Amino acid sequence: MIVAGGRGTRMKAPKPKQFLYIGGKTILEKTVDKFKRSSLIDEIIVVTAQDYFEQTEELFHNFGKSLSIIAGGARRQDSVSNALRYLKQKGVSEDDIVLIHDGVRPYIELDIITSIVKEASETGAAIPCIMPKDTIRDINSGSLERSDLRCVQTPQGFSATLLMDAYNKAFAEGGDFTDDASIAEAFGHKVSLVEGSEANIKITTPEDIVLETRIGKGFDVHRLVEGRALILGGVKIPFEKGLLGHSDADVLIHALIDAILGAASMGDIGRVFPDTDPAYKDASSLVLLERTWNAVKYRGYDFVNADITVICERPKLAAHVAKMEDNICNVLNISRERINIKATTTEKLGFTGRGEGIAAEAVCILSCSPK
């Protein structure tokens, strides 16, 4: 049961934080995916706000694993209660284990899910928790003994019978509770503690978002032939030969495009801009770079830096490197310190040493920011 009906006002975002995109997926999708990967999970229920119901349906319309979406309530416990009623209608078994997890805890680890299921199966109720790092102070009575305190996380696991019994009593007697374990304990059920993880944070403010860093590597080679212009980094370089290719054959930019696509897990230049498509005949590779970056940026990626090496015996490129870097920075709208271009030789060894072609390799780092 993924509870995702909150408004997330402390995030100060234009939409609830569970619908913010990080690296091509929403926080909610990343959270749900963790449970999809667990072989112990038979069904997933996403509880969402009524006015985000359709958006949630769109996110998971091709999910694969059994997944249901239901509308939540005014409070967290109301949302869980709605989900429990849904489970009861489906005929949940008293032996079933129900996990309840915050929709904005996307960094949950599979081994914690496994531990909670195992412990809840044996004891009826289990929650993950960690030791607090900081000293905690009661503003009235002073410091508290840290060894007696735990920071409670989710998923919290319960036998279906125990959980439904506790929730029925909670609604009959009233009261507000901060989590499901509090409800279980309030009505006489002992809750076991399982070791949680420092990484399993609940995303609440912008500072809580862990920026994911991705690395991509690109490599390209083109043959040198007569009758073609030599274009490298968008610069036309005086030389008696040029590179053979479907587009302008800018081997430097092609390597960079492949590195960017690789970091974003979006394939390679041959798939995105096939050489069988006449639309790309003699196309400027800087234009292809711009299209690539627009697509990658749309998925929530930011450009961190790239290091590019061009390998050729001739011509000498040192005088042109600054202009190449300027061209790339202008297309990507980044500052100069984020791009580095080097030129080297193979000491007359191999096809580049014989002047038969030019090779380039690029390494690119992207980060994922919430969108």
Foldseek 3Di string as FASTA:
>chain_A
DEEAADFLVQQVDPGRQQQWFWLQAGLLVLQVVQVVPAPVDQEEEYEYAPVCQVVVCVRCVPPPGHYYYDYADPDSLRRVVVVLVVCVVVPDDLLDKDWYAYSQQSQFHNVVVVVQRVVCNVQFKEWEWAQDPDFDADPVPGTDDSVVDIHTHDRIMGRSVLQVVLSVVCVVVDDDDPDSVVSSVVVPGDYHYDHGDPSRDGDRYQVNDDKDKFKFKFKDKFFWDAPAFAAELNDGDDDRTHTDDQASPHQQLQQVLQGLCRRSVNDHPCVVPNSVDNVRGNHDSLVVSLVSLVVSVVSAKDWQAKEKEKEADDDDCPVPQVVSLVSNCVSNVHDSVRYHYYYDYPCLDDCRSVVGIMMMMMMTMMIGHID
